[in-house]
Amino acid sequence: MFKSIEDKIRGLAQLAPSPERLIPLNQLVEYLQTKIHKGEKAQLNFICTHNSRRSQMAQVWTKLLADFYGVELETFSGGTEVTAFHPNALAVFEKMGLEIQKEGSNNPHYFLRYSETESPIEAFSKLYDDASNPSTNFAAIMTCSSADANCPFIPSAERRVSLTYEDPKKFDDSEIAQEAYEACALRIAQEMNYVFKSLKK
């Protein structure tokens, strides 16, 4: 893993989640702990309406943290609609030191390289049940209230966790847009860091 990313993870503030946040976070801890005890690789599918911001940031951050902590885990994301990975969300990871390669123009596929040895993270907007996402043996993590309300049932998901975040989209085209995206990404990172630090290997 690139040193800039390791430094960012080591610098994450120790989070003391509020009681209402502890409920879904500990549900995720329990799910991952069960997978570890069984010797199985966990699969997490982060789901939001457009699969353009929060679900994508959660997918990438969770993969980075899993590799940092040595947890066998694959991350995915999807939506109830297809749009594109938003440039403001991508900029968060570029600023952190990930190397980003873009392929295509309409809903581009991005490859986020974070290590000299590991495969890059592929990210693009897609439906939650896209063929590239798992159809069995996975947990569905709902990152926005709209997707949580509009997707009451995710076929074949072993666990459904409602872990919603405020949408930074409302700050698009404002002077504080990037600050808002970075704040959202940081909260995701801190909460996922809590999850991984709570695991017993």
N, C-alpha and C. Protein backbone atom coordinates (compact mmCIF):
# COMPACT_ATOMS: atom_id res chain seq x y z
N MET A 1 0.85 -1.19 0.00
CA MET A 1 0.00 0.00 0.00
C MET A 1 0.88 1.24 0.00
N PHE A 2 0.49 2.23 -0.81
CA PHE A 2 1.28 3.45 -0.87
C PHE A 2 1.35 4.11 0.51
N LYS A 3 2.50 4.68 0.81
CA LYS A 3 2.73 5.25 2.14
C LYS A 3 1.74 6.37 2.47
N SER A 4 1.38 7.18 1.48
CA SER A 4 0.45 8.28 1.75
C SER A 4 -0.89 7.76 2.25
N ILE A 5 -1.31 6.60 1.75
CA ILE A 5 -2.58 6.01 2.17
C ILE A 5 -2.45 5.40 3.56
N GLU A 6 -1.34 4.70 3.80
CA GLU A 6 -1.10 4.17 5.14
C GLU A 6 -1.08 5.29 6.18
N ASP A 7 -0.42 6.39 5.84
CA ASP A 7 -0.35 7.52 6.76
C ASP A 7 -1.74 8.08 7.04
N LYS A 8 -2.57 8.15 6.01
CA LYS A 8 -3.94 8.65 6.17
C LYS A 8 -4.73 7.75 7.12
N ILE A 9 -4.59 6.45 6.96
CA ILE A 9 -5.31 5.51 7.81
C ILE A 9 -4.81 5.61 9.25
N ARG A 10 -3.50 5.66 9.43
CA ARG A 10 -2.95 5.76 10.78
C ARG A 10 -3.37 7.07 11.46
N GLY A 11 -3.64 8.08 10.66
CA GLY A 11 -4.02 9.37 11.21
C GLY A 11 -5.50 9.53 11.47
N LEU A 12 -6.30 8.51 11.18
CA LEU A 12 -7.73 8.62 11.45
C LEU A 12 -7.98 8.75 12.94
N ALA A 13 -8.79 9.71 13.32
CA ALA A 13 -9.12 9.90 14.73
C ALA A 13 -9.91 8.70 15.24
N GLN A 14 -9.64 8.33 16.49
CA GLN A 14 -10.40 7.24 17.10
C GLN A 14 -11.83 7.71 17.33
N LEU A 15 -12.76 7.01 16.72
CA LEU A 15 -14.14 7.44 16.74
C LEU A 15 -14.90 6.76 17.87
N ALA A 16 -15.69 7.52 18.61
CA ALA A 16 -16.60 6.98 19.60
C ALA A 16 -18.01 7.16 19.04
N PRO A 17 -18.52 6.18 18.30
CA PRO A 17 -19.81 6.35 17.63
C PRO A 17 -20.93 6.66 18.62
N SER A 18 -21.88 7.44 18.17
CA SER A 18 -23.07 7.72 18.97
C SER A 18 -23.88 6.43 19.10
N PRO A 19 -24.73 6.34 20.13
CA PRO A 19 -25.50 5.10 20.34
C PRO A 19 -26.29 4.65 19.12
N GLU A 20 -26.87 5.62 18.38
CA GLU A 20 -27.67 5.22 17.21
C GLU A 20 -26.79 4.70 16.08
N ARG A 21 -25.55 5.17 15.99
CA ARG A 21 -24.64 4.67 14.96
C ARG A 21 -24.03 3.33 15.36
N LEU A 22 -23.91 3.10 16.65
CA LEU A 22 -23.34 1.83 17.13
C LEU A 22 -24.17 0.64 16.69
N ILE A 23 -25.48 0.83 16.58
CA ILE A 23 -26.34 -0.31 16.22
C ILE A 23 -25.96 -0.89 14.86
N PRO A 24 -25.99 -0.09 13.77
CA PRO A 24 -25.60 -0.68 12.48
C PRO A 24 -24.12 -1.03 12.39
N LEU A 25 -23.25 -0.24 13.02
CA LEU A 25 -21.82 -0.54 12.96
C LEU A 25 -21.53 -1.88 13.63
N ASN A 26 -22.15 -2.14 14.76
CA ASN A 26 -21.92 -3.41 15.44
C ASN A 26 -22.58 -4.58 14.71
N GLN A 27 -23.65 -4.31 13.98
CA GLN A 27 -24.22 -5.35 13.12
C GLN A 27 -23.20 -5.78 12.06
N LEU A 28 -22.49 -4.78 11.52
CA LEU A 28 -21.46 -5.08 10.52
C LEU A 28 -20.28 -5.80 11.16
N VAL A 29 -19.89 -5.37 12.35
CA VAL A 29 -18.81 -6.07 13.07
C VAL A 29 -19.18 -7.54 13.28
N GLU A 30 -20.41 -7.77 13.71
CA GLU A 30 -20.87 -9.14 13.97
C GLU A 30 -20.83 -9.98 12.69
N TYR A 31 -21.28 -9.39 11.59
CA TYR A 31 -21.28 -10.12 10.32
C TYR A 31 -19.85 -10.50 9.91
N LEU A 32 -18.95 -9.52 9.97
CA LEU A 32 -17.56 -9.79 9.57
C LEU A 32 -16.90 -10.77 10.53
N GLN A 33 -17.20 -10.65 11.82
CA GLN A 33 -16.61 -11.56 12.81
C GLN A 33 -17.02 -13.00 12.53
N THR A 34 -18.29 -13.18 12.18
CA THR A 34 -18.77 -14.53 11.84
C THR A 34 -18.03 -15.09 10.64
N LYS A 35 -17.79 -14.26 9.63
CA LYS A 35 -17.06 -14.70 8.45
C LYS A 35 -15.63 -15.09 8.81
N ILE A 36 -15.00 -14.30 9.67
CA ILE A 36 -13.63 -14.59 10.09
C ILE A 36 -13.56 -15.93 10.81
N HIS A 37 -14.50 -16.16 11.72
CA HIS A 37 -14.52 -17.42 12.48
C HIS A 37 -14.74 -18.62 11.58
N LYS A 38 -15.48 -18.43 10.50
CA LYS A 38 -15.74 -19.53 9.56
C LYS A 38 -14.63 -19.69 8.53
N GLY A 39 -13.69 -18.74 8.54
CA GLY A 39 -12.61 -18.78 7.54
C GLY A 39 -13.08 -18.43 6.16
N GLU A 40 -14.14 -17.63 6.06
CA GLU A 40 -14.69 -17.24 4.78
C GLU A 40 -14.33 -15.79 4.44
N LYS A 41 -14.22 -15.51 3.17
CA LYS A 41 -13.98 -14.13 2.72
C LYS A 41 -15.32 -13.40 2.65
N ALA A 42 -15.43 -12.32 3.38
CA ALA A 42 -16.68 -11.55 3.38
C ALA A 42 -16.81 -10.74 2.10
N GLN A 43 -18.06 -10.50 1.70
CA GLN A 43 -18.37 -9.65 0.56
C GLN A 43 -19.38 -8.60 1.00
N LEU A 44 -19.04 -7.33 0.80
CA LEU A 44 -19.93 -6.25 1.18
C LEU A 44 -20.33 -5.46 -0.07
N ASN A 45 -21.62 -5.28 -0.26
CA ASN A 45 -22.14 -4.50 -1.38
C ASN A 45 -22.77 -3.23 -0.82
N PHE A 46 -22.12 -2.08 -1.07
CA PHE A 46 -22.62 -0.79 -0.58
C PHE A 46 -23.60 -0.23 -1.60
N ILE A 47 -24.81 0.09 -1.14
CA ILE A 47 -25.90 0.43 -2.06
C ILE A 47 -26.45 1.81 -1.75
N CYS A 48 -26.55 2.63 -2.81
CA CYS A 48 -27.13 3.97 -2.73
C CYS A 48 -27.94 4.19 -4.01
N THR A 49 -28.74 5.21 -4.04
CA THR A 49 -29.64 5.38 -5.18
C THR A 49 -28.89 5.46 -6.51
N HIS A 50 -27.94 6.39 -6.64
CA HIS A 50 -27.28 6.63 -7.92
C HIS A 50 -25.92 5.94 -8.06
N ASN A 51 -25.43 5.34 -6.99
CA ASN A 51 -24.11 4.71 -7.01
C ASN A 51 -23.07 5.65 -7.62
N SER A 52 -23.06 6.88 -7.09
CA SER A 52 -22.16 7.89 -7.65
C SER A 52 -21.28 8.55 -6.60
N ARG A 53 -21.69 8.50 -5.33
CA ARG A 53 -20.95 9.23 -4.30
C ARG A 53 -20.72 8.36 -3.06
N ARG A 54 -21.72 8.29 -2.17
CA ARG A 54 -21.52 7.63 -0.88
C ARG A 54 -21.20 6.15 -0.98
N SER A 55 -21.93 5.44 -1.82
CA SER A 55 -21.67 4.00 -1.94
C SER A 55 -20.30 3.73 -2.54
N GLN A 56 -19.89 4.56 -3.50
CA GLN A 56 -18.57 4.40 -4.11
C GLN A 56 -17.46 4.70 -3.09
N MET A 57 -17.62 5.80 -2.33
CA MET A 57 -16.61 6.15 -1.33
C MET A 57 -16.52 5.07 -0.26
N ALA A 58 -17.66 4.51 0.11
CA ALA A 58 -17.66 3.44 1.12
C ALA A 58 -16.98 2.19 0.58
N GLN A 59 -17.24 1.85 -0.68
CA GLN A 59 -16.59 0.69 -1.28
C GLN A 59 -15.08 0.84 -1.26
N VAL A 60 -14.59 1.99 -1.70
CA VAL A 60 -13.15 2.19 -1.79
C VAL A 60 -12.51 2.25 -0.41
N TRP A 61 -13.08 3.04 0.49
CA TRP A 61 -12.49 3.17 1.82
C TRP A 61 -12.47 1.83 2.55
N THR A 62 -13.53 1.06 2.43
CA THR A 62 -13.59 -0.22 3.14
C THR A 62 -12.55 -1.19 2.60
N LYS A 63 -12.33 -1.19 1.30
CA LYS A 63 -11.29 -2.05 0.73
C LYS A 63 -9.91 -1.63 1.22
N LEU A 64 -9.64 -0.34 1.25
CA LEU A 64 -8.35 0.15 1.74
C LEU A 64 -8.12 -0.28 3.19
N LEU A 65 -9.13 -0.11 4.01
CA LEU A 65 -9.00 -0.47 5.43
C LEU A 65 -8.86 -1.98 5.62
N ALA A 66 -9.59 -2.76 4.83
CA ALA A 66 -9.48 -4.22 4.93
C ALA A 66 -8.07 -4.67 4.63
N ASP A 67 -7.48 -4.12 3.58
CA ASP A 67 -6.11 -4.49 3.24
C ASP A 67 -5.13 -4.02 4.31
N PHE A 68 -5.35 -2.83 4.85
CA PHE A 68 -4.47 -2.29 5.90
C PHE A 68 -4.49 -3.19 7.13
N TYR A 69 -5.66 -3.68 7.51
CA TYR A 69 -5.79 -4.50 8.71
C TYR A 69 -5.65 -6.00 8.44
N GLY A 70 -5.44 -6.38 7.18
CA GLY A 70 -5.24 -7.78 6.85
C GLY A 70 -6.49 -8.63 6.97
N VAL A 71 -7.64 -8.05 6.63
CA VAL A 71 -8.91 -8.78 6.69
C VAL A 71 -9.30 -9.23 5.28
N GLU A 72 -9.64 -10.51 5.15
CA GLU A 72 -10.06 -11.04 3.85
C GLU A 72 -11.44 -10.51 3.52
N LEU A 73 -11.51 -9.65 2.53
CA LEU A 73 -12.76 -8.95 2.27
C LEU A 73 -12.77 -8.43 0.84
N GLU A 74 -13.94 -8.53 0.18
CA GLU A 74 -14.13 -7.91 -1.12
C GLU A 74 -15.26 -6.89 -1.00
N THR A 75 -15.08 -5.75 -1.63
CA THR A 75 -16.11 -4.71 -1.56
C THR A 75 -16.68 -4.42 -2.95
N PHE A 76 -17.96 -4.07 -2.96
CA PHE A 76 -18.68 -3.79 -4.19
C PHE A 76 -19.61 -2.61 -3.92
N SER A 77 -20.21 -2.09 -4.97
CA SER A 77 -21.23 -1.06 -4.78
C SER A 77 -22.20 -1.10 -5.95
N GLY A 78 -23.38 -0.53 -5.70
CA GLY A 78 -24.40 -0.49 -6.75
C GLY A 78 -25.50 0.47 -6.35
N GLY A 79 -26.46 0.67 -7.24
CA GLY A 79 -27.54 1.60 -6.97
C GLY A 79 -28.87 1.09 -7.49
N THR A 80 -29.89 1.88 -7.28
CA THR A 80 -31.19 1.59 -7.87
C THR A 80 -31.32 2.28 -9.23
N GLU A 81 -30.36 3.16 -9.56
CA GLU A 81 -30.25 3.80 -10.86
C GLU A 81 -28.78 3.83 -11.25
N VAL A 82 -28.50 3.99 -12.54
CA VAL A 82 -27.13 4.09 -13.03
C VAL A 82 -26.85 5.52 -13.46
N THR A 83 -25.78 6.09 -12.95
CA THR A 83 -25.37 7.44 -13.34
C THR A 83 -23.89 7.41 -13.71
N ALA A 84 -23.02 7.91 -12.82
CA ALA A 84 -21.58 7.86 -13.01
C ALA A 84 -20.90 8.19 -11.69
N PHE A 85 -19.69 7.70 -11.51
CA PHE A 85 -18.89 8.02 -10.33
C PHE A 85 -18.58 9.52 -10.39
N HIS A 86 -19.04 10.28 -9.39
CA HIS A 86 -18.94 11.74 -9.46
C HIS A 86 -17.49 12.20 -9.31
N PRO A 87 -17.06 13.18 -10.12
CA PRO A 87 -15.67 13.68 -10.04
C PRO A 87 -15.27 14.18 -8.66
N ASN A 88 -16.19 14.78 -7.92
CA ASN A 88 -15.84 15.26 -6.58
C ASN A 88 -15.50 14.12 -5.64
N ALA A 89 -16.19 13.00 -5.80
CA ALA A 89 -15.88 11.83 -4.96
C ALA A 89 -14.53 11.23 -5.36
N LEU A 90 -14.28 11.18 -6.65
CA LEU A 90 -12.99 10.68 -7.13
C LEU A 90 -11.84 11.54 -6.64
N ALA A 91 -12.06 12.85 -6.61
CA ALA A 91 -11.01 13.78 -6.21
C ALA A 91 -10.54 13.54 -4.78
N VAL A 92 -11.43 13.03 -3.93
CA VAL A 92 -11.05 12.71 -2.55
C VAL A 92 -9.92 11.70 -2.54
N PHE A 93 -10.02 10.68 -3.38
CA PHE A 93 -9.03 9.60 -3.39
C PHE A 93 -7.77 10.00 -4.15
N GLU A 94 -7.93 10.82 -5.17
CA GLU A 94 -6.76 11.31 -5.88
C GLU A 94 -5.90 12.17 -4.94
N LYS A 95 -6.55 12.97 -4.12
CA LYS A 95 -5.84 13.81 -3.16
C LYS A 95 -5.09 12.95 -2.13
N MET A 96 -5.63 11.78 -1.83
CA MET A 96 -4.99 10.88 -0.86
C MET A 96 -3.77 10.18 -1.42
N GLY A 97 -3.62 10.18 -2.74
CA GLY A 97 -2.48 9.54 -3.35
C GLY A 97 -2.78 8.31 -4.16
N LEU A 98 -4.07 7.97 -4.34
CA LEU A 98 -4.40 6.85 -5.22
C LEU A 98 -4.17 7.27 -6.66
N GLU A 99 -3.68 6.36 -7.47
CA GLU A 99 -3.47 6.63 -8.89
C GLU A 99 -4.70 6.18 -9.64
N ILE A 100 -5.33 7.07 -10.39
CA ILE A 100 -6.62 6.79 -11.01
C ILE A 100 -6.50 6.75 -12.52
N GLN A 101 -6.94 5.65 -13.10
CA GLN A 101 -6.99 5.49 -14.55
C GLN A 101 -8.44 5.46 -14.98
N LYS A 102 -8.77 6.19 -16.05
CA LYS A 102 -10.13 6.30 -16.54
C LYS A 102 -10.26 5.61 -17.89
N GLU A 103 -11.31 4.81 -18.05
CA GLU A 103 -11.61 4.17 -19.32
C GLU A 103 -13.06 4.44 -19.71
N GLY A 104 -13.27 4.97 -20.89
CA GLY A 104 -14.61 5.28 -21.37
C GLY A 104 -15.02 6.69 -21.02
N SER A 105 -16.15 7.12 -21.60
CA SER A 105 -16.61 8.49 -21.38
C SER A 105 -18.01 8.54 -20.78
N ASN A 106 -18.91 7.68 -21.22
CA ASN A 106 -20.25 7.64 -20.67
C ASN A 106 -20.28 6.63 -19.54
N ASN A 107 -20.46 7.09 -18.31
CA ASN A 107 -20.31 6.24 -17.13
C ASN A 107 -18.96 5.53 -17.17
N PRO A 108 -17.87 6.27 -17.07
CA PRO A 108 -16.53 5.68 -17.19
C PRO A 108 -16.25 4.64 -16.10
N HIS A 109 -15.35 3.72 -16.44
CA HIS A 109 -14.82 2.79 -15.46
C HIS A 109 -13.51 3.39 -14.96
N TYR A 110 -13.37 3.45 -13.64
CA TYR A 110 -12.15 3.97 -13.03
C TYR A 110 -11.41 2.83 -12.34
N PHE A 111 -10.11 2.88 -12.42
CA PHE A 111 -9.27 1.90 -11.75
C PHE A 111 -8.39 2.66 -10.76
N LEU A 112 -8.62 2.41 -9.48
CA LEU A 112 -7.96 3.15 -8.42
C LEU A 112 -6.82 2.30 -7.86
N ARG A 113 -5.60 2.70 -8.16
CA ARG A 113 -4.43 1.93 -7.75
C ARG A 113 -3.91 2.49 -6.42
N TYR A 114 -3.77 1.61 -5.44
CA TYR A 114 -3.36 2.03 -4.10
C TYR A 114 -2.15 1.26 -3.59
N SER A 115 -1.61 0.38 -4.43
CA SER A 115 -0.52 -0.49 -4.00
C SER A 115 0.30 -0.90 -5.21
N GLU A 116 1.57 -1.19 -4.96
CA GLU A 116 2.43 -1.69 -6.04
C GLU A 116 2.13 -3.14 -6.37
N THR A 117 1.51 -3.87 -5.42
CA THR A 117 1.34 -5.31 -5.59
C THR A 117 -0.12 -5.76 -5.74
N GLU A 118 -1.07 -4.98 -5.21
CA GLU A 118 -2.47 -5.38 -5.27
C GLU A 118 -3.15 -4.87 -6.53
N SER A 119 -4.18 -5.58 -6.96
CA SER A 119 -4.95 -5.13 -8.12
C SER A 119 -5.69 -3.83 -7.78
N PRO A 120 -5.84 -2.94 -8.75
CA PRO A 120 -6.58 -1.70 -8.47
C PRO A 120 -8.05 -1.98 -8.20
N ILE A 121 -8.69 -1.05 -7.55
CA ILE A 121 -10.12 -1.13 -7.29
C ILE A 121 -10.85 -0.60 -8.51
N GLU A 122 -11.74 -1.41 -9.09
CA GLU A 122 -12.52 -0.95 -10.24
C GLU A 122 -13.82 -0.32 -9.74
N ALA A 123 -14.12 0.86 -10.22
CA ALA A 123 -15.31 1.57 -9.75
C ALA A 123 -16.05 2.21 -10.92
N PHE A 124 -17.35 1.96 -10.98
CA PHE A 124 -18.22 2.60 -11.97
C PHE A 124 -19.65 2.45 -11.48
N SER A 125 -20.53 3.31 -11.95
CA SER A 125 -21.92 3.27 -11.51
C SER A 125 -22.65 2.09 -12.15
N LYS A 126 -23.42 1.37 -11.36
CA LYS A 126 -24.14 0.19 -11.84
C LYS A 126 -25.29 -0.13 -10.90
N LEU A 127 -26.18 -0.97 -11.32
CA LEU A 127 -27.26 -1.41 -10.46
C LEU A 127 -26.71 -2.35 -9.39
N TYR A 128 -27.41 -2.40 -8.26
CA TYR A 128 -26.92 -3.22 -7.14
C TYR A 128 -26.85 -4.70 -7.50
N ASP A 129 -27.67 -5.14 -8.46
CA ASP A 129 -27.65 -6.55 -8.86
C ASP A 129 -26.92 -6.76 -10.18
N ASP A 130 -26.02 -5.84 -10.53
CA ASP A 130 -25.20 -5.99 -11.73
C ASP A 130 -24.43 -7.31 -11.68
N ALA A 131 -24.14 -7.85 -12.84
CA ALA A 131 -23.44 -9.14 -12.91
C ALA A 131 -22.07 -9.11 -12.24
N SER A 132 -21.47 -7.93 -12.13
CA SER A 132 -20.15 -7.84 -11.50
C SER A 132 -20.23 -7.85 -9.97
N ASN A 133 -21.44 -7.75 -9.43
CA ASN A 133 -21.63 -7.79 -7.98
C ASN A 133 -22.03 -9.19 -7.53
N PRO A 134 -21.78 -9.53 -6.28
CA PRO A 134 -22.14 -10.88 -5.80
C PRO A 134 -23.65 -11.06 -5.74
N SER A 135 -24.10 -12.27 -6.02
CA SER A 135 -25.53 -12.59 -5.95
C SER A 135 -25.85 -13.48 -4.74
N THR A 136 -24.83 -14.00 -4.10
CA THR A 136 -25.00 -14.81 -2.90
C THR A 136 -23.87 -14.51 -1.92
N ASN A 137 -24.09 -14.87 -0.67
CA ASN A 137 -23.05 -14.78 0.36
C ASN A 137 -22.47 -13.38 0.49
N PHE A 138 -23.33 -12.39 0.67
CA PHE A 138 -22.86 -11.02 0.83
C PHE A 138 -23.78 -10.27 1.79
N ALA A 139 -23.27 -9.15 2.29
CA ALA A 139 -24.09 -8.24 3.09
C ALA A 139 -24.40 -7.00 2.26
N ALA A 140 -25.63 -6.54 2.33
CA ALA A 140 -26.05 -5.31 1.65
C ALA A 140 -25.99 -4.17 2.66
N ILE A 141 -25.13 -3.18 2.37
CA ILE A 141 -24.96 -2.04 3.27
C ILE A 141 -25.62 -0.84 2.60
N MET A 142 -26.72 -0.36 3.18
CA MET A 142 -27.49 0.71 2.58
C MET A 142 -26.92 2.05 3.06
N THR A 143 -26.33 2.82 2.13
CA THR A 143 -25.63 4.05 2.52
C THR A 143 -26.46 5.32 2.35
N CYS A 144 -27.67 5.20 1.80
CA CYS A 144 -28.53 6.38 1.74
C CYS A 144 -29.97 5.97 2.06
N SER A 145 -30.69 6.88 2.69
CA SER A 145 -32.03 6.57 3.16
C SER A 145 -32.98 6.28 2.00
N SER A 146 -32.75 6.94 0.85
CA SER A 146 -33.62 6.71 -0.30
C SER A 146 -33.51 5.28 -0.79
N ALA A 147 -32.27 4.81 -0.94
CA ALA A 147 -32.08 3.42 -1.38
C ALA A 147 -32.60 2.46 -0.32
N ASP A 148 -32.42 2.81 0.95
CA ASP A 148 -32.89 1.95 2.03
C ASP A 148 -34.40 1.81 1.98
N ALA A 149 -35.09 2.91 1.68
CA ALA A 149 -36.55 2.88 1.62
C ALA A 149 -37.06 2.23 0.35
N ASN A 150 -36.36 2.47 -0.77
CA ASN A 150 -36.84 1.98 -2.06
C ASN A 150 -36.38 0.57 -2.39
N CYS A 151 -35.45 0.05 -1.61
CA CYS A 151 -34.98 -1.33 -1.82
C CYS A 151 -35.23 -2.12 -0.55
N PRO A 152 -36.46 -2.43 -0.25
CA PRO A 152 -36.75 -3.13 1.00
C PRO A 152 -36.24 -4.57 1.01
N PHE A 153 -35.92 -5.11 -0.17
CA PHE A 153 -35.47 -6.50 -0.24
C PHE A 153 -34.34 -6.62 -1.24
N ILE A 154 -33.22 -7.14 -0.80
CA ILE A 154 -32.08 -7.41 -1.68
C ILE A 154 -31.95 -8.91 -1.80
N PRO A 155 -32.27 -9.49 -2.95
CA PRO A 155 -32.25 -10.93 -3.09
C PRO A 155 -30.91 -11.54 -2.70
N SER A 156 -30.98 -12.59 -1.92
CA SER A 156 -29.83 -13.42 -1.56
C SER A 156 -28.85 -12.78 -0.58
N ALA A 157 -29.12 -11.57 -0.10
CA ALA A 157 -28.23 -10.95 0.88
C ALA A 157 -28.33 -11.71 2.20
N GLU A 158 -27.18 -12.04 2.76
CA GLU A 158 -27.16 -12.72 4.06
C GLU A 158 -27.53 -11.75 5.18
N ARG A 159 -27.17 -10.50 5.01
CA ARG A 159 -27.42 -9.49 6.03
C ARG A 159 -27.68 -8.15 5.35
N ARG A 160 -28.57 -7.39 5.92
CA ARG A 160 -28.84 -6.04 5.43
C ARG A 160 -28.57 -5.08 6.57
N VAL A 161 -27.73 -4.08 6.32
CA VAL A 161 -27.36 -3.10 7.35
C VAL A 161 -27.67 -1.71 6.81
N SER A 162 -28.42 -0.93 7.58
CA SER A 162 -28.74 0.44 7.18
C SER A 162 -27.73 1.38 7.83
N LEU A 163 -26.75 1.83 7.03
CA LEU A 163 -25.69 2.71 7.51
C LEU A 163 -25.65 3.92 6.59
N THR A 164 -26.56 4.86 6.82
CA THR A 164 -26.76 5.96 5.89
C THR A 164 -25.88 7.17 6.22
N TYR A 165 -25.58 7.94 5.18
CA TYR A 165 -24.75 9.14 5.30
C TYR A 165 -25.44 10.30 4.58
N GLU A 166 -25.17 11.51 5.05
CA GLU A 166 -25.71 12.70 4.40
C GLU A 166 -25.10 12.85 3.01
N ASP A 167 -25.92 13.21 2.06
CA ASP A 167 -25.47 13.30 0.66
C ASP A 167 -24.70 14.60 0.41
N PRO A 168 -23.42 14.52 0.01
CA PRO A 168 -22.68 15.75 -0.30
C PRO A 168 -23.11 16.40 -1.60
N LYS A 169 -24.00 15.74 -2.34
CA LYS A 169 -24.46 16.27 -3.62
C LYS A 169 -25.02 17.68 -3.50
N LYS A 170 -25.65 17.99 -2.37
CA LYS A 170 -26.29 19.30 -2.22
C LYS A 170 -25.28 20.44 -2.24
N PHE A 171 -23.99 20.11 -2.11
CA PHE A 171 -22.95 21.14 -2.13
C PHE A 171 -22.27 21.25 -3.50
N ASP A 172 -22.71 20.44 -4.47
CA ASP A 172 -22.13 20.52 -5.82
C ASP A 172 -22.23 21.96 -6.35
N ASP A 173 -21.19 22.37 -7.02
CA ASP A 173 -21.11 23.71 -7.63
C ASP A 173 -21.03 24.84 -6.60
N SER A 174 -20.81 24.50 -5.33
CA SER A 174 -20.61 25.54 -4.32
C SER A 174 -19.12 25.67 -4.03
N GLU A 175 -18.77 26.70 -3.30
CA GLU A 175 -17.37 26.92 -2.96
C GLU A 175 -16.84 25.90 -1.97
N ILE A 176 -17.73 25.23 -1.26
CA ILE A 176 -17.28 24.25 -0.26
C ILE A 176 -17.56 22.81 -0.71
N ALA A 177 -17.75 22.61 -2.01
CA ALA A 177 -18.10 21.28 -2.51
C ALA A 177 -17.06 20.23 -2.11
N GLN A 178 -15.79 20.50 -2.40
CA GLN A 178 -14.78 19.49 -2.11
C GLN A 178 -14.61 19.26 -0.62
N GLU A 179 -14.76 20.32 0.14
CA GLU A 179 -14.72 20.19 1.61
C GLU A 179 -15.84 19.27 2.10
N ALA A 180 -17.03 19.41 1.52
CA ALA A 180 -18.17 18.58 1.91
C ALA A 180 -17.93 17.11 1.55
N TYR A 181 -17.37 16.87 0.37
CA TYR A 181 -17.09 15.49 -0.04
C TYR A 181 -16.03 14.87 0.86
N GLU A 182 -15.01 15.63 1.18
CA GLU A 182 -13.96 15.12 2.05
C GLU A 182 -14.49 14.82 3.45
N ALA A 183 -15.41 15.65 3.93
CA ALA A 183 -16.01 15.41 5.24
C ALA A 183 -16.84 14.14 5.24
N CYS A 184 -17.60 13.92 4.18
CA CYS A 184 -18.40 12.69 4.07
C CYS A 184 -17.49 11.47 4.00
N ALA A 185 -16.46 11.54 3.18
CA ALA A 185 -15.52 10.43 3.05
C ALA A 185 -14.81 10.15 4.36
N LEU A 186 -14.47 11.20 5.09
CA LEU A 186 -13.79 11.03 6.37
C LEU A 186 -14.68 10.33 7.39
N ARG A 187 -15.95 10.70 7.41
CA ARG A 187 -16.85 10.04 8.36
C ARG A 187 -16.99 8.56 8.02
N ILE A 188 -17.11 8.26 6.74
CA ILE A 188 -17.15 6.85 6.32
C ILE A 188 -15.89 6.14 6.77
N ALA A 189 -14.74 6.76 6.53
CA ALA A 189 -13.46 6.15 6.89
C ALA A 189 -13.36 5.91 8.39
N GLN A 190 -13.77 6.88 9.18
CA GLN A 190 -13.69 6.74 10.64
C GLN A 190 -14.60 5.63 11.14
N GLU A 191 -15.80 5.54 10.58
CA GLU A 191 -16.72 4.49 11.03
C GLU A 191 -16.27 3.11 10.59
N MET A 192 -15.75 3.00 9.37
CA MET A 192 -15.23 1.71 8.93
C MET A 192 -13.98 1.34 9.72
N ASN A 193 -13.19 2.33 10.08
CA ASN A 193 -12.01 2.07 10.92
C ASN A 193 -12.44 1.51 12.27
N TYR A 194 -13.51 2.06 12.84
CA TYR A 194 -14.07 1.52 14.09
C TYR A 194 -14.43 0.05 13.90
N VAL A 195 -15.08 -0.27 12.78
CA VAL A 195 -15.48 -1.65 12.51
C VAL A 195 -14.27 -2.58 12.51
N PHE A 196 -13.22 -2.22 11.76
CA PHE A 196 -12.08 -3.11 11.64
C PHE A 196 -11.29 -3.22 12.96
N LYS A 197 -11.22 -2.13 13.70
CA LYS A 197 -10.52 -2.18 14.97
C LYS A 197 -11.28 -2.97 16.02
N SER A 198 -12.57 -3.19 15.79
CA SER A 198 -13.41 -3.96 16.72
C SER A 198 -13.32 -5.47 16.46
N LEU A 199 -12.77 -5.86 15.33
CA LEU A 199 -12.71 -7.27 14.98
C LEU A 199 -11.63 -8.00 15.77
N LYS A 200 -11.91 -9.26 16.10
CA LYS A 200 -10.94 -10.14 16.74
C LYS A 200 -10.57 -11.22 15.75
N LYS A 201 -9.31 -11.27 15.37
CA LYS A 201 -8.89 -12.25 14.36
C LYS A 201 -8.54 -13.59 15.00
